[in-house]
PDB file of N, CA and C in Angstrom:
ATOM      1  N   MET A   1       1.271  -1.182   0.277  1.00  0.00           N
ATOM      2  CA  MET A   1       0.265   0.022   0.125  1.00  0.00           C
ATOM      3  C   MET A   1       0.929   1.394   0.148  1.00  0.00           C
ATOM      4  N   LEU A   2       0.691   2.230  -0.696  1.00  0.00           N
ATOM      5  CA  LEU A   2       1.667   3.556  -0.740  1.00  0.00           C
ATOM      6  C   LEU A   2       0.527   4.754   0.049  1.00  0.00           C
ATOM      7  N   ALA A   3       1.439   5.451   0.870  1.00  0.00           N
ATOM      8  CA  ALA A   3       0.846   6.219   1.288  1.00  0.00           C
ATOM      9  C   ALA A   3      -0.166   7.186   0.461  1.00  0.00           C
ATOM     10  N   GLU A   4       0.437   7.681  -0.878  1.00  0.00           N
ATOM     11  CA  GLU A   4      -0.021   8.467  -1.733  1.00  0.00           C
ATOM     12  C   GLU A   4      -1.642   7.658  -1.516  1.00  0.00           C
ATOM     13  N   ASP A   5      -1.291   6.566  -2.076  1.00  0.00           N
ATOM     14  CA  ASP A   5      -2.714   5.916  -2.661  1.00  0.00           C
ATOM     15  C   ASP A   5      -3.728   5.861  -1.312  1.00  0.00           C
ATOM     16  N   PHE A   6      -3.337   5.765   0.009  1.00  0.00           N
ATOM     17  CA  PHE A   6      -4.033   5.649   0.824  1.00  0.00           C
ATOM     18  C   PHE A   6      -4.746   7.459   1.255  1.00  0.00           C
ATOM     19  N   LEU A   7      -3.756   8.270   1.241  1.00  0.00           N
ATOM     20  CA  LEU A   7      -4.359   9.685   1.117  1.00  0.00           C
ATOM     21  C   LEU A   7      -5.146  10.194   0.069  1.00  0.00           C
ATOM     22  N   ASP A   8      -5.254   9.554  -0.930  1.00  0.00           N
ATOM     23  CA  ASP A   8      -6.175   9.713  -2.295  1.00  0.00           C
ATOM     24  C   ASP A   8      -7.604   9.820  -2.029  1.00  0.00           C
ATOM     25  N   ASP A   9      -8.068   8.217  -0.983  1.00  0.00           N
ATOM     26  CA  ASP A   9      -9.263   7.686  -0.732  1.00  0.00           C
ATOM     27  C   ASP A   9      -9.947   9.266  -0.002  1.00  0.00           C
ATOM     28  N   LEU A  10      -8.688   9.397   1.435  1.00  0.00           N
ATOM     29  CA  LEU A  10      -9.492  10.901   2.064  1.00  0.00           C
ATOM     30  C   LEU A  10     -10.434  11.969   1.786  1.00  0.00           C
ATOM     31  N   CYS A  11     -10.934  12.126   2.540  1.00  0.00           N
ATOM     32  CA  CYS A  11     -11.823  13.839   2.602  1.00  0.00           C
ATOM     33  C   CYS A  11     -10.170  14.752   2.274  1.00  0.00           C
ATOM     34  N   PRO A  12     -10.330  15.471   1.293  1.00  0.00           N
ATOM     35  CA  PRO A  12      -9.174  16.701   0.914  1.00  0.00           C
ATOM     36  C   PRO A  12      -8.954  17.580   2.111  1.00  0.00           C
ATOM     37  N   ARG A  13      -9.608  17.821   3.390  1.00  0.00           N
ATOM     38  CA  ARG A  13      -9.741  18.443   3.969  1.00  0.00           C
ATOM     39  C   ARG A  13      -8.380  17.981   5.543  1.00  0.00           C
ATOM     40  N   VAL A  14      -8.681  16.568   5.562  1.00  0.00           N
ATOM     41  CA  VAL A  14      -8.621  15.520   6.311  1.00  0.00           C
ATOM     42  C   VAL A  14      -6.322  15.090   5.572  1.00  0.00           C
ATOM     43  N   ARG A  15      -6.352  15.191   4.769  1.00  0.00           N
ATOM     44  CA  ARG A  15      -5.093  14.269   4.028  1.00  0.00           C
ATOM     45  C   ARG A  15      -3.763  15.640   4.655  1.00  0.00           C
ATOM     46  N   PRO A  16      -3.677  16.534   5.021  1.00  0.00           N
ATOM     47  CA  PRO A  16      -2.551  17.356   5.165  1.00  0.00           C
ATOM     48  C   PRO A  16      -2.464  16.160   6.543  1.00  0.00           C
ATOM     49  N   LEU A  17      -3.769  16.674   7.479  1.00  0.00           N
ATOM     50  CA  LEU A  17      -3.367  15.761   9.036  1.00  0.00           C
ATOM     51  C   LEU A  17      -2.531  14.307   8.807  1.00  0.00           C
ATOM     52  N   VAL A  18      -3.652  14.171   8.425  1.00  0.00           N
ATOM     53  CA  VAL A  18      -3.121  12.194   8.625  1.00  0.00           C
ATOM     54  C   VAL A  18      -1.254  12.154   7.516  1.00  0.00           C
ATOM     55  N   ALA A  19      -1.519  13.042   6.839  1.00  0.00           N
ATOM     56  CA  ALA A  19       0.111  12.403   5.592  1.00  0.00           C
ATOM     57  C   ALA A  19       0.978  12.871   6.877  1.00  0.00           C
ATOM     58  N   HIS A  20       1.408  13.906   8.060  1.00  0.00           N
ATOM     59  CA  HIS A  20       1.769  13.882   9.098  1.00  0.00           C
ATOM     60  C   HIS A  20       1.663  12.630  10.130  1.00  0.00           C
ATOM     61  N   ILE A  21       0.854  12.542   9.965  1.00  0.00           N
ATOM     62  CA  ILE A  21       0.260  11.607  11.433  1.00  0.00           C
ATOM     63  C   ILE A  21       1.119  10.283  10.442  1.00  0.00           C
ATOM     64  N   LEU A  22       1.249   9.832   9.322  1.00  0.00           N
ATOM     65  CA  LEU A  22       1.470   8.584   9.025  1.00  0.00           C
ATOM     66  C   LEU A  22       3.341   9.247   8.740  1.00  0.00           C
ATOM     67  N   SER A  23       3.305  10.080   8.508  1.00  0.00           N
ATOM     68  CA  SER A  23       5.096  10.873   8.729  1.00  0.00           C
ATOM     69  C   SER A  23       5.608   9.925   9.761  1.00  0.00           C
ATOM     70  N   CYS A  24       5.191   9.906  10.978  1.00  0.00           N
ATOM     71  CA  CYS A  24       5.796  10.110  12.005  1.00  0.00           C
ATOM     72  C   CYS A  24       5.771   8.807  12.739  1.00  0.00           C
ATOM     73  N   GLY A  25       7.084   8.601  13.083  1.00  0.00           N
ATOM     74  CA  GLY A  25       7.565   7.111  13.229  1.00  0.00           C
ATOM     75  C   GLY A  25       6.733   6.438  14.051  1.00  0.00           C
ATOM     76  N   CYS A  26       5.733   6.210  15.116  1.00  0.00           N
ATOM     77  CA  CYS A  26       5.101   5.665  16.022  1.00  0.00           C
ATOM     78  C   CYS A  26       4.046   6.158  15.853  1.00  0.00           C
ATOM     79  N   GLY A  27       3.540   7.020  15.369  1.00  0.00           N
ATOM     80  CA  GLY A  27       2.247   8.006  15.104  1.00  0.00           C
ATOM     81  C   GLY A  27       1.102   6.932  14.935  1.00  0.00           C
ATOM     82  N   CYS A  28       1.034   5.866  14.050  1.00  0.00           N
ATOM     83  CA  CYS A  28       0.280   5.101  13.827  1.00  0.00           C
ATOM     84  C   CYS A  28      -0.541   3.889  14.992  1.00  0.00           C
ATOM     85  N   ALA A  29       0.672   3.763  15.779  1.00  0.00           N
ATOM     86  CA  ALA A  29       0.037   2.828  16.649  1.00  0.00           C
ATOM     87  C   ALA A  29       0.139   3.736  18.278  1.00  0.00           C
ATOM     88  N   ALA A  30       0.468   4.318  18.604  1.00  0.00           N
ATOM     89  CA  ALA A  30       0.505   6.018  19.140  1.00  0.00           C
ATOM     90  C   ALA A  30      -1.447   6.113  19.263  1.00  0.00           C
ATOM     91  N   LEU A  31      -1.792   6.397  17.971  1.00  0.00           N
ATOM     92  CA  LEU A  31      -3.517   6.459  18.133  1.00  0.00           C
ATOM     93  C   LEU A  31      -4.110   5.339  17.869  1.00  0.00           C
ATOM     94  N   ASP A  32      -3.054   4.233  17.611  1.00  0.00           N
ATOM     95  CA  ASP A  32      -3.841   3.048  18.253  1.00  0.00           C
ATOM     96  C   ASP A  32      -4.431   2.710  19.219  1.00  0.00           C
ATOM     97  N   LEU A  33      -3.393   3.487  20.436  1.00  0.00           N
ATOM     98  CA  LEU A  33      -3.341   2.818  22.079  1.00  0.00           C
ATOM     99  C   LEU A  33      -4.970   3.926  22.072  1.00  0.00           C
ATOM    100  N   PHE A  34      -4.529   5.501  21.625  1.00  0.00           N
ATOM    101  CA  PHE A  34      -4.892   6.312  22.351  1.00  0.00           C
ATOM    102  C   PHE A  34      -6.914   5.811  22.060  1.00  0.00           C
ATOM    103  N   GLN A  35      -7.153   5.360  20.840  1.00  0.00           N
ATOM    104  CA  GLN A  35      -8.285   4.615  20.418  1.00  0.00           C
ATOM    105  C   GLN A  35      -9.403   4.106  21.036  1.00  0.00           C
ATOM    106  N   ASN A  36      -8.121   3.187  21.553  1.00  0.00           N
ATOM    107  CA  ASN A  36      -8.889   2.321  22.479  1.00  0.00           C
ATOM    108  C   ASN A  36      -8.648   2.411  23.996  1.00  0.00           C
ATOM    109  N   ARG A  37      -8.291   3.920  24.773  1.00  0.00           N
ATOM    110  CA  ARG A  37      -8.057   4.147  25.500  1.00  0.00           C
ATOM    111  C   ARG A  37      -8.058   6.026  25.271  1.00  0.00           C
ATOM    112  N   PRO A  38      -9.518   6.392  24.921  1.00  0.00           N
ATOM    113  CA  PRO A  38      -9.831   7.413  24.725  1.00  0.00           C
ATOM    114  C   PRO A  38      -9.738   8.831  25.294  1.00  0.00           C
ATOM    115  N   ARG A  39      -9.793   8.847  26.917  1.00  0.00           N
ATOM    116  CA  ARG A  39     -10.144   9.489  27.928  1.00  0.00           C
ATOM    117  C   ARG A  39      -9.126   9.235  28.971  1.00  0.00           C
ATOM    118  N   THR A  40      -8.179   8.307  28.891  1.00  0.00           N
ATOM    119  CA  THR A  40      -7.323   8.141  29.615  1.00  0.00           C
ATOM    120  C   THR A  40      -6.241   9.028  29.845  1.00  0.00           C
ATOM    121  N   TRP A  41      -5.269   9.409  30.283  1.00  0.00           N
ATOM    122  CA  TRP A  41      -4.333  10.402  30.528  1.00  0.00           C
ATOM    123  C   TRP A  41      -2.717   8.959  30.975  1.00  0.00           C
ATOM    124  N   ASN A  42      -2.114   9.131  29.077  1.00  0.00           N
ATOM    125  CA  ASN A  42      -1.144   7.858  29.391  1.00  0.00           C
ATOM    126  C   ASN A  42       0.324   8.702  29.489  1.00  0.00           C
ATOM    127  N   GLU A  43       0.916   8.089  30.736  1.00  0.00           N
ATOM    128  CA  GLU A  43       2.580   8.722  30.482  1.00  0.00           C
ATOM    129  C   GLU A  43       2.912   7.985  30.177  1.00  0.00           C
ATOM    130  N   THR A  44       4.091   9.072  29.571  1.00  0.00           N
ATOM    131  CA  THR A  44       5.230   8.630  28.686  1.00  0.00           C
ATOM    132  C   THR A  44       5.665   7.439  28.568  1.00  0.00           C
ATOM    133  N   ALA A  45       6.537   6.704  29.479  1.00  0.00           N
ATOM    134  CA  ALA A  45       7.058   5.427  29.923  1.00  0.00           C
ATOM    135  C   ALA A  45       6.294   4.435  29.372  1.00  0.00           C
ATOM    136  N   ASP A  46       4.934   4.412  29.705  1.00  0.00           N
ATOM    137  CA  ASP A  46       3.369   3.948  29.543  1.00  0.00           C
ATOM    138  C   ASP A  46       3.132   3.165  28.134  1.00  0.00           C
ATOM    139  N   ILE A  47       3.656   4.381  27.560  1.00  0.00           N
ATOM    140  CA  ILE A  47       3.300   4.370  25.863  1.00  0.00           C
ATOM    141  C   ILE A  47       4.603   3.720  25.338  1.00  0.00           C
ATOM    142  N   ALA A  48       5.005   4.087  25.321  1.00  0.00           N
ATOM    143  CA  ALA A  48       6.409   3.481  25.296  1.00  0.00           C
ATOM    144  C   ALA A  48       6.750   1.974  25.038  1.00  0.00           C
ATOM    145  N   TYR A  49       6.383   1.363  26.892  1.00  0.00           N
ATOM    146  CA  TYR A  49       6.079   0.200  26.758  1.00  0.00           C
ATOM    147  C   TYR A  49       5.453  -0.435  25.580  1.00  0.00           C
ATOM    148  N   HIS A  50       3.840  -0.356  25.884  1.00  0.00           N
ATOM    149  CA  HIS A  50       2.680  -0.533  24.902  1.00  0.00           C
ATOM    150  C   HIS A  50       3.379  -0.666  23.235  1.00  0.00           C
ATOM    151  N   LEU A  51       4.034   0.582  23.268  1.00  0.00           N
ATOM    152  CA  LEU A  51       4.173   0.645  21.995  1.00  0.00           C
ATOM    153  C   LEU A  51       6.128  -0.576  21.333  1.00  0.00           C
ATOM    154  N   GLN A  52       6.393  -0.738  22.725  1.00  0.00           N
ATOM    155  CA  GLN A  52       7.499  -1.718  22.306  1.00  0.00           C
ATOM    156  C   GLN A  52       8.561  -0.445  21.037  1.00  0.00           C
ATOM    157  N   GLN A  53       8.662   0.535  22.105  1.00  0.00           N
ATOM    158  CA  GLN A  53       9.771   1.513  20.425  1.00  0.00           C
ATOM    159  C   GLN A  53      10.261   2.573  21.642  1.00  0.00           C
ATOM    160  N   PRO A  54      11.656   2.523  22.034  1.00  0.00           N
ATOM    161  CA  PRO A  54      12.546   3.367  22.630  1.00  0.00           C
ATOM    162  C   PRO A  54      11.766   5.225  23.250  1.00  0.00           C
ATOM    163  N   THR A  55      11.805   5.065  24.419  1.00  0.00           N
ATOM    164  CA  THR A  55      11.301   6.297  25.077  1.00  0.00           C
ATOM    165  C   THR A  55      11.252   7.357  24.398  1.00  0.00           C
ATOM    166  N   GLU A  56      12.596   7.690  24.063  1.00  0.00           N
ATOM    167  CA  GLU A  56      13.273   9.115  23.328  1.00  0.00           C
ATOM    168  C   GLU A  56      12.355   9.291  21.877  1.00  0.00           C
ATOM    169  N   GLU A  57      12.267   7.841  21.503  1.00  0.00           N
ATOM    170  CA  GLU A  57      11.766   8.042  20.271  1.00  0.00           C
ATOM    171  C   GLU A  57      10.059   8.875  20.102  1.00  0.00           C
ATOM    172  N   VAL A  58       9.554   7.530  21.135  1.00  0.00           N
ATOM    173  CA  VAL A  58       8.435   8.214  21.494  1.00  0.00           C
ATOM    174  C   VAL A  58       7.918   9.008  21.347  1.00  0.00           C
ATOM    175  N   ILE A  59       8.756  10.329  22.820  1.00  0.00           N
ATOM    176  CA  ILE A  59       8.393  11.622  23.594  1.00  0.00           C
ATOM    177  C   ILE A  59       8.673  12.278  22.252  1.00  0.00           C
ATOM    178  N   GLN A  60       9.515  12.014  21.538  1.00  0.00           N
ATOM    179  CA  GLN A  60       9.683  12.999  19.956  1.00  0.00           C
ATOM    180  C   GLN A  60       8.258  12.998  19.004  1.00  0.00           C
ATOM    181  N   ASP A  61       7.717  11.693  18.609  1.00  0.00           N
ATOM    182  CA  ASP A  61       6.634  11.281  17.783  1.00  0.00           C
ATOM    183  C   ASP A  61       5.437  12.194  18.953  1.00  0.00           C
ATOM    184  N   LEU A  62       5.431  12.121  20.306  1.00  0.00           N
ATOM    185  CA  LEU A  62       4.137  12.191  21.275  1.00  0.00           C
ATOM    186  C   LEU A  62       3.749  14.345  20.921  1.00  0.00           C
ATOM    187  N   ASN A  63       4.876  14.499  20.989  1.00  0.00           N
ATOM    188  CA  ASN A  63       5.373  15.488  20.932  1.00  0.00           C
ATOM    189  C   ASN A  63       5.003  16.296  19.397  1.00  0.00           C
ATOM    190  N   LEU A  64       5.120  15.861  18.572  1.00  0.00           N
ATOM    191  CA  LEU A  64       4.852  15.853  16.955  1.00  0.00           C
ATOM    192  C   LEU A  64       3.303  16.003  17.080  1.00  0.00           C
ATOM    193  N   LEU A  65       2.576  14.764  17.771  1.00  0.00           N
ATOM    194  CA  LEU A  65       1.272  14.726  17.798  1.00  0.00           C
ATOM    195  C   LEU A  65       0.868  15.444  18.397  1.00  0.00           C
ATOM    196  N   ALA A  66       1.328  16.357  19.297  1.00  0.00           N
ATOM    197  CA  ALA A  66       0.108  16.857  20.318  1.00  0.00           C
ATOM    198  C   ALA A  66       0.667  18.313  19.590  1.00  0.00           C
ATOM    199  N   ASP A  67       1.561  18.836  18.695  1.00  0.00           N
ATOM    200  CA  ASP A  67       1.894  20.031  18.260  1.00  0.00           C
ATOM    201  C   ASP A  67       0.807  20.159  17.340  1.00  0.00           C
ATOM    202  N   LEU A  68       0.238  18.637  16.510  1.00  0.00           N
ATOM    203  CA  LEU A  68      -0.190  18.729  15.090  1.00  0.00           C
ATOM    204  C   LEU A  68      -1.905  19.058  16.049  1.00  0.00           C
ATOM    205  N   GLY A  69      -1.920  18.873  16.906  1.00  0.00           N
ATOM    206  CA  GLY A  69      -3.308  18.994  18.181  1.00  0.00           C
ATOM    207  C   GLY A  69      -4.365  17.661  18.054  1.00  0.00           C
ATOM    208  N   VAL A  70      -3.338  16.788  17.761  1.00  0.00           N
ATOM    209  CA  VAL A  70      -4.375  14.739  17.859  1.00  0.00           C
ATOM    210  C   VAL A  70      -4.063  14.141  19.296  1.00  0.00           C
ATOM    211  N   ILE A  71      -3.302  14.850  19.875  1.00  0.00           N
ATOM    212  CA  ILE A  71      -3.528  14.744  21.395  1.00  0.00           C
ATOM    213  C   ILE A  71      -2.877  15.862  22.355  1.00  0.00           C
ATOM    214  N   ASP A  72      -3.638  15.543  23.379  1.00  0.00           N
ATOM    215  CA  ASP A  72      -3.565  16.538  24.377  1.00  0.00           C
ATOM    216  C   ASP A  72      -2.398  16.090  25.004  1.00  0.00           C
ATOM    217  N   ARG A  73      -1.433  17.136  25.670  1.00  0.00           N
ATOM    218  CA  ARG A  73      -0.347  16.948  26.314  1.00  0.00           C
ATOM    219  C   ARG A  73      -0.451  17.501  27.986  1.00  0.00           C
ATOM    220  N   ARG A  74      -0.424  17.195  29.149  1.00  0.00           N
ATOM    221  CA  ARG A  74      -0.308  17.707  30.383  1.00  0.00           C
ATOM    222  C   ARG A  74       1.192  16.881  31.187  1.00  0.00           C
ATOM    223  N   ASP A  75       1.282  17.975  31.862  1.00  0.00           N
ATOM    224  CA  ASP A  75       2.941  18.044  32.816  1.00  0.00           C
ATOM    225  C   ASP A  75       2.330  17.770  34.179  1.00  0.00           C
ATOM    226  N   SER A  76       2.830  17.004  34.833  1.00  0.00           N
ATOM    227  CA  SER A  76       2.551  17.210  36.552  1.00  0.00           C
ATOM    228  C   SER A  76       3.072  16.008  36.990  1.00  0.00           C
ATOM    229  N   LEU A  77       4.184  17.038  38.289  1.00  0.00           N
ATOM    230  CA  LEU A  77       4.714  16.092  39.229  1.00  0.00           C
ATOM    231  C   LEU A  77       5.701  15.938  38.127  1.00  0.00           C
ATOM    232  N   GLY A  78       5.965  16.415  37.806  1.00  0.00           N
ATOM    233  CA  GLY A  78       7.654  15.866  36.877  1.00  0.00           C
ATOM    234  C   GLY A  78       7.371  15.115  35.452  1.00  0.00           C
ATOM    235  N   MET A  79       5.809  14.431  35.128  1.00  0.00           N
ATOM    236  CA  MET A  79       5.565  13.629  34.488  1.00  0.00           C
ATOM    237  C   MET A  79       5.058  14.060  33.400  1.00  0.00           C
ATOM    238  N   THR A  80       5.211  13.213  32.311  1.00  0.00           N
ATOM    239  CA  THR A  80       4.414  13.685  31.283  1.00  0.00           C
ATOM    240  C   THR A  80       3.351  12.836  30.980  1.00  0.00           C
ATOM    241  N   PHE A  81       2.395  13.636  30.821  1.00  0.00           N
ATOM    242  CA  PHE A  81       0.462  12.318  29.975  1.00  0.00           C
ATOM    243  C   PHE A  81       0.471  13.043  29.095  1.00  0.00           C
ATOM    244  N   TYR A  82      -0.631  12.149  28.058  1.00  0.00           N
ATOM    245  CA  TYR A  82      -0.910  12.548  27.006  1.00  0.00           C
ATOM    246  C   TYR A  82      -2.079  11.867  26.659  1.00  0.00           C
ATOM    247  N   ARG A  83      -3.585  11.985  26.453  1.00  0.00           N
ATOM    248  CA  ARG A  83      -4.412  11.594  25.632  1.00  0.00           C
ATOM    249  C   ARG A  83      -4.426  12.008  24.149  1.00  0.00           C
ATOM    250  N   LEU A  84      -5.946  11.641  23.806  1.00  0.00           N
ATOM    251  CA  LEU A  84      -6.521  11.615  22.685  1.00  0.00           C
ATOM    252  C   LEU A  84      -7.264  13.165  23.297  1.00  0.00           C
ATOM    253  N   THR A  85      -7.024  13.970  21.647  1.00  0.00           N
ATOM    254  CA  THR A  85      -7.843  15.109  21.736  1.00  0.00           C
ATOM    255  C   THR A  85      -9.606  15.097  22.099  1.00  0.00           C
ATOM    256  N   GLU A  86      -9.821  16.748  22.683  1.00  0.00           N
ATOM    257  CA  GLU A  86     -11.349  16.520  22.339  1.00  0.00           C
ATOM    258  C   GLU A  86     -12.309  17.222  21.293  1.00  0.00           C
ATOM    259  N   ASP A  87     -10.805  17.438  20.734  1.00  0.00           N
ATOM    260  CA  ASP A  87     -11.735  18.845  19.590  1.00  0.00           C
ATOM    261  C   ASP A  87     -12.642  17.369  18.862  1.00  0.00           C
ATOM    262  N   LYS A  88     -13.166  17.818  18.626  1.00  0.00           N
ATOM    263  CA  LYS A  88     -14.198  17.873  17.916  1.00  0.00           C
ATOM    264  C   LYS A  88     -13.713  16.968  15.949  1.00  0.00           C
ATOM    265  N   GLU A  89     -13.275  18.586  15.490  1.00  0.00           N
ATOM    266  CA  GLU A  89     -13.167  18.175  13.775  1.00  0.00           C
ATOM    267  C   GLU A  89     -11.978  17.063  13.661  1.00  0.00           C
ATOM    268  N   ILE A  90     -11.334  17.389  14.381  1.00  0.00           N
ATOM    269  CA  ILE A  90      -9.897  16.190  14.219  1.00  0.00           C
ATOM    270  C   ILE A  90     -10.156  14.868  14.711  1.00  0.00           C
ATOM    271  N   LEU A  91     -11.257  14.557  15.589  1.00  0.00           N
ATOM    272  CA  LEU A  91     -11.245  13.500  16.285  1.00  0.00           C
ATOM    273  C   LEU A  91     -12.261  12.872  14.578  1.00  0.00           C
ATOM    274  N   GLN A  92     -13.120  14.216  14.526  1.00  0.00           N
ATOM    275  CA  GLN A  92     -13.862  13.153  12.644  1.00  0.00           C
ATOM    276  C   GLN A  92     -13.362  12.938  12.282  1.00  0.00           C
ATOM    277  N   ALA A  93     -11.819  13.873  11.160  1.00  0.00           N
ATOM    278  CA  ALA A  93     -10.493  12.947  10.904  1.00  0.00           C
ATOM    279  C   ALA A  93      -9.674  11.524  10.720  1.00  0.00           C
ATOM    280  N   LEU A  94      -9.393  11.796  12.401  1.00  0.00           N
ATOM    281  CA  LEU A  94      -9.314  10.406  12.720  1.00  0.00           C
ATOM    282  C   LEU A  94     -10.348   9.286  12.835  1.00  0.00           C
ATOM    283  N   ASP A  95     -11.396   9.694  12.433  1.00  0.00           N
ATOM    284  CA  ASP A  95     -12.830   8.335  12.485  1.00  0.00           C
ATOM    285  C   ASP A  95     -12.540   7.945  11.190  1.00  0.00           C
ATOM    286  N   GLN A  96     -12.006   9.216   9.959  1.00  0.00           N
ATOM    287  CA  GLN A  96     -11.859   9.040   8.956  1.00  0.00           C
ATOM    288  C   GLN A  96     -10.365   7.998   8.519  1.00  0.00           C
ATOM    289  N   TYR A  97      -9.407   8.784   9.336  1.00  0.00           N
ATOM    290  CA  TYR A  97      -8.647   7.448   9.364  1.00  0.00           C
ATOM    291  C   TYR A  97      -8.253   6.524   9.614  1.00  0.00           C
ATOM    292  N   TRP A  98      -9.248   6.217  10.907  1.00  0.00           N
ATOM    293  CA  TRP A  98      -9.545   4.481  11.403  1.00  0.00           C
ATOM    294  C   TRP A  98     -10.425   3.684   9.435  1.00  0.00           C
ATOM    295  N   THR A  99     -11.322   4.542   9.788  1.00  0.00           N
ATOM    296  CA  THR A  99     -12.301   4.112   8.459  1.00  0.00           C
ATOM    297  C   THR A  99     -11.257   3.524   7.448  1.00  0.00           C
ATOM    298  N   SER A 100     -10.727   4.421   6.825  1.00  0.00           N
ATOM    299  CA  SER A 100     -10.471   4.082   5.891  1.00  0.00           C
ATOM    300  C   SER A 100      -9.388   2.953   5.493  1.00  0.00           C
ATOM    301  N   ARG A 101      -8.499   3.462   7.007  1.00  0.00           N
ATOM    302  CA  ARG A 101      -7.554   2.570   7.275  1.00  0.00           C
ATOM    303  C   ARG A 101      -7.772   0.712   7.376  1.00  0.00           C
ATOM    304  N   GLU A 102      -9.278   0.061   7.909  1.00  0.00           N
ATOM    305  CA  GLU A 102      -9.867  -0.796   8.141  1.00  0.00           C
ATOM    306  C   GLU A 102     -10.057  -1.080   6.553  1.00  0.00           C
ATOM    307  N   VAL A 103     -10.466  -0.351   5.815  1.00  0.00           N
ATOM    308  CA  VAL A 103     -11.394  -0.764   4.568  1.00  0.00           C
ATOM    309  C   VAL A 103     -10.125  -1.453   3.915  1.00  0.00           C
ATOM    310  N   TRP A 104      -8.612  -0.404   4.005  1.00  0.00           N
ATOM    311  CA  TRP A 104      -7.646  -0.741   2.926  1.00  0.00           C
ATOM    312  C   TRP A 104      -6.620  -2.029   3.381  1.00  0.00           C
ATOM    313  N   ARG A 105      -6.976  -2.024   5.034  1.00  0.00           N
ATOM    314  CA  ARG A 105      -6.669  -3.673   5.387  1.00  0.00           C
ATOM    315  C   ARG A 105      -7.804  -4.453   4.921  1.00  0.00           C
ATOM    316  N   ALA A 106      -8.769  -4.195   4.973  1.00  0.00           N
ATOM    317  CA  ALA A 106      -9.974  -5.529   4.436  1.00  0.00           C
ATOM    318  C   ALA A 106      -9.424  -6.089   2.705  1.00  0.00           C
ATOM    319  N   ARG A 107      -9.473  -4.624   1.897  1.00  0.00           N
ATOM    320  CA  ARG A 107      -8.463  -4.914   0.564  1.00  0.00           C
ATOM    321  C   ARG A 107      -7.335  -5.964   0.418  1.00  0.00           C
ATOM    322  N   TRP A 108      -6.228  -5.601   1.355  1.00  0.00           N
ATOM    323  CA  TRP A 108      -5.166  -6.036   0.975  1.00  0.00           C
ATOM    324  C   TRP A 108      -5.364  -7.635   1.326  1.00  0.00           C
ATOM    325  N   GLN A 109      -6.143  -7.589   2.137  1.00  0.00           N
ATOM    326  CA  GLN A 109      -6.129  -9.344   2.366  1.00  0.00           C
ATOM    327  C   GLN A 109      -6.749 -10.091   1.495  1.00  0.00           C
ATOM    328  N   GLU A 110      -8.239  -9.371   1.446  1.00  0.00           N
ATOM    329  CA  GLU A 110      -9.236  -9.915   0.378  1.00  0.00           C
ATOM    330  C   GLU A 110      -7.796 -10.671  -1.272  1.00  0.00           C
ATOM    331  N   THR A 111      -7.106  -9.419  -1.551  1.00  0.00           N
ATOM    332  CA  THR A 111      -5.758  -9.330  -2.408  1.00  0.00           C
ATOM    333  C   THR A 111      -5.025 -10.958  -2.179  1.00  0.00           C
ATOM    334  N   ARG A 112      -4.863 -11.082  -0.926  1.00  0.00           N
ATOM    335  CA  ARG A 112      -3.399 -12.165  -0.551  1.00  0.00           C
ATOM    336  C   ARG A 112      -4.269 -13.571  -0.703  1.00  0.00           C
ATOM    337  N   VAL A 113      -6.019 -13.528  -0.185  1.00  0.00           N
ATOM    338  CA  VAL A 113      -6.164 -14.618  -0.360  1.00  0.00           C
ATOM    339  C   VAL A 113      -6.281 -14.373  -1.952  1.00  0.00           C
ATOM    340  N   ALA A 114      -6.450 -13.936  -2.607  1.00  0.00           N
ATOM    341  CA  ALA A 114      -6.974 -14.301  -4.206  1.00  0.00           C
ATOM    342  C   ALA A 114      -5.832 -14.948  -5.021  1.00  0.00           C
ATOM    343  N   LEU A 115      -4.594 -13.720  -4.490  1.00  0.00           N
ATOM    344  CA  LEU A 115      -3.406 -14.250  -4.788  1.00  0.00           C
ATOM    345  C   LEU A 115      -2.461 -15.560  -4.436  1.00  0.00           C
ATOM    346  N   GLU A 116      -3.128 -16.240  -3.213  1.00  0.00           N
ATOM    347  CA  GLU A 116      -2.852 -17.384  -2.223  1.00  0.00           C
ATOM    348  C   GLU A 116      -1.549 -16.832  -1.694  1.00  0.00           C
ATOM    349  N   LEU A 117      -1.243 -15.509  -1.370  1.00  0.00           N
ATOM    350  CA  LEU A 117       0.204 -15.342  -0.346  1.00  0.00           C
ATOM    351  C   LEU A 117       0.311 -15.907   0.245  1.00  0.00           C
TER     352      LEU A 117
END
């Protein structure tokens, strides 16, 4: 699957946001974690553990997602916590991203079955 093909299937106003997310090392995996825990404040080390990625790389990607407004960041008692944004427009864009991604995965699976891969 080419990122450009995936982006072409998205609404034009959603494409730039999703393109940034796709360019973010563990951004997609982090968003999947937040999708399953949308209102939970997750500590950086816990996120890195769940993503099985080095904490320093995860911090960079989380900060990028926070700068994009996709996740919220809160510092408390020397620790940093993140959760999925409550911004309705961004949540709608993320819903479109998750739905389109599932459609692409289903297509890929059908292709694999048809080609007996």
